[in-house]
Amino acid sequence: MGAMVRRANTIIGSSDFTALYDKGYHTGTEFDYAHKQGFEVMAA
C-alpha cells in the first residue's frame, strides 16, 4: 500500500486523493505512513 500511494502521488503530483483498499491488503504500518504523508485512505 505504501508504495502505491507514493506512486499515485508522483503521477498525480498531489496527495489530494483518497486511496481505497480491500481489507487484508494493508498493515498498520502502511496506514501510519499514509497518514503521516497526508493521504486519505479507506479500507473496504
N, C-alpha and C. Protein backbone atom coordinates (compact mmCIF):
# COMPACT_ATOMS: atom_id res chain seq x y z
N MET A 1 0.82 -1.18 0.00
CA MET A 1 0.00 0.00 0.00
C MET A 1 0.86 1.25 0.00
N GLY A 2 1.90 1.29 0.80
CA GLY A 2 2.74 2.46 0.87
C GLY A 2 3.36 2.82 -0.47
N ALA A 3 3.87 1.81 -1.18
CA ALA A 3 4.47 2.06 -2.50
C ALA A 3 3.43 2.56 -3.49
N MET A 4 2.22 2.07 -3.39
CA MET A 4 1.17 2.50 -4.33
C MET A 4 0.75 3.94 -4.10
N VAL A 5 0.63 4.37 -2.84
CA VAL A 5 0.25 5.76 -2.61
C VAL A 5 1.39 6.71 -3.00
N ARG A 6 2.63 6.27 -2.79
CA ARG A 6 3.76 7.09 -3.25
C ARG A 6 3.75 7.24 -4.77
N ARG A 7 3.49 6.16 -5.47
CA ARG A 7 3.45 6.22 -6.93
C ARG A 7 2.29 7.07 -7.42
N ALA A 8 1.11 6.90 -6.81
CA ALA A 8 -0.05 7.72 -7.19
C ALA A 8 0.25 9.19 -6.96
N ASN A 9 0.92 9.50 -5.85
CA ASN A 9 1.29 10.88 -5.55
C ASN A 9 2.22 11.43 -6.64
N THR A 10 3.15 10.63 -7.10
CA THR A 10 4.08 11.05 -8.15
C THR A 10 3.33 11.28 -9.46
N ILE A 11 2.43 10.40 -9.80
CA ILE A 11 1.68 10.51 -11.06
C ILE A 11 0.74 11.71 -11.03
N ILE A 12 0.00 11.85 -9.92
CA ILE A 12 -0.98 12.92 -9.80
C ILE A 12 -0.30 14.25 -9.48
N GLY A 13 0.80 14.18 -8.75
CA GLY A 13 1.51 15.39 -8.35
C GLY A 13 0.92 16.05 -7.12
N SER A 14 0.14 15.28 -6.37
CA SER A 14 -0.53 15.83 -5.19
C SER A 14 -0.97 14.67 -4.29
N SER A 15 -1.08 14.94 -2.99
CA SER A 15 -1.62 13.93 -2.08
C SER A 15 -3.11 14.16 -1.85
N ASP A 16 -3.73 14.97 -2.70
CA ASP A 16 -5.14 15.30 -2.56
C ASP A 16 -6.01 14.26 -3.28
N PHE A 17 -5.98 13.03 -2.76
CA PHE A 17 -6.81 11.96 -3.30
C PHE A 17 -7.12 10.97 -2.18
N THR A 18 -8.08 10.12 -2.40
CA THR A 18 -8.43 9.07 -1.45
C THR A 18 -8.08 7.73 -2.05
N ALA A 19 -7.31 6.94 -1.33
CA ALA A 19 -6.94 5.59 -1.77
C ALA A 19 -7.90 4.60 -1.13
N LEU A 20 -8.44 3.70 -1.91
CA LEU A 20 -9.38 2.70 -1.42
C LEU A 20 -8.75 1.33 -1.57
N TYR A 21 -8.69 0.58 -0.47
CA TYR A 21 -8.05 -0.73 -0.46
C TYR A 21 -9.02 -1.79 0.03
N ASP A 22 -8.85 -2.98 -0.47
CA ASP A 22 -9.57 -4.15 0.00
C ASP A 22 -9.00 -4.53 1.36
N LYS A 23 -9.85 -4.94 2.29
CA LYS A 23 -9.33 -5.33 3.60
C LYS A 23 -8.37 -6.51 3.44
N GLY A 24 -7.37 -6.54 4.26
CA GLY A 24 -6.36 -7.58 4.19
C GLY A 24 -5.19 -7.22 3.29
N TYR A 25 -5.28 -6.08 2.60
CA TYR A 25 -4.21 -5.69 1.68
C TYR A 25 -3.43 -4.51 2.26
N HIS A 26 -3.25 -4.51 3.55
CA HIS A 26 -2.59 -3.39 4.20
C HIS A 26 -2.10 -3.82 5.57
N THR A 27 -1.26 -3.01 6.16
CA THR A 27 -0.82 -3.23 7.54
C THR A 27 -0.96 -1.91 8.29
N GLY A 28 -0.90 -1.98 9.59
CA GLY A 28 -0.97 -0.76 10.39
C GLY A 28 0.16 0.20 10.08
N THR A 29 1.34 -0.34 9.81
CA THR A 29 2.49 0.49 9.47
C THR A 29 2.22 1.27 8.19
N GLU A 30 1.61 0.63 7.21
CA GLU A 30 1.30 1.30 5.95
C GLU A 30 0.25 2.39 6.13
N PHE A 31 -0.75 2.15 6.97
CA PHE A 31 -1.73 3.19 7.28
C PHE A 31 -1.06 4.36 7.97
N ASP A 32 -0.14 4.08 8.88
CA ASP A 32 0.59 5.13 9.58
C ASP A 32 1.40 5.97 8.59
N TYR A 33 2.08 5.32 7.66
CA TYR A 33 2.85 6.03 6.65
C TYR A 33 1.93 6.95 5.83
N ALA A 34 0.82 6.40 5.35
CA ALA A 34 -0.10 7.17 4.53
C ALA A 34 -0.63 8.37 5.30
N HIS A 35 -0.98 8.17 6.56
CA HIS A 35 -1.49 9.26 7.39
C HIS A 35 -0.44 10.36 7.56
N LYS A 36 0.79 9.97 7.85
CA LYS A 36 1.86 10.95 8.05
C LYS A 36 2.17 11.72 6.78
N GLN A 37 1.94 11.12 5.62
CA GLN A 37 2.20 11.78 4.34
C GLN A 37 1.01 12.61 3.87
N GLY A 38 -0.11 12.54 4.59
CA GLY A 38 -1.29 13.35 4.26
C GLY A 38 -2.26 12.70 3.29
N PHE A 39 -2.13 11.39 3.09
CA PHE A 39 -3.05 10.68 2.20
C PHE A 39 -4.29 10.25 2.96
N GLU A 40 -5.43 10.34 2.31
CA GLU A 40 -6.65 9.81 2.89
C GLU A 40 -6.81 8.39 2.38
N VAL A 41 -6.98 7.43 3.30
CA VAL A 41 -7.06 6.02 2.93
C VAL A 41 -8.31 5.41 3.53
N MET A 42 -9.01 4.61 2.74
CA MET A 42 -10.19 3.89 3.20
C MET A 42 -10.00 2.41 2.86
N ALA A 43 -10.46 1.54 3.75
CA ALA A 43 -10.40 0.09 3.50
C ALA A 43 -11.82 -0.45 3.51
N ALA A 44 -12.11 -1.28 2.54
CA ALA A 44 -13.45 -1.86 2.42
C ALA A 44 -13.41 -3.34 2.73
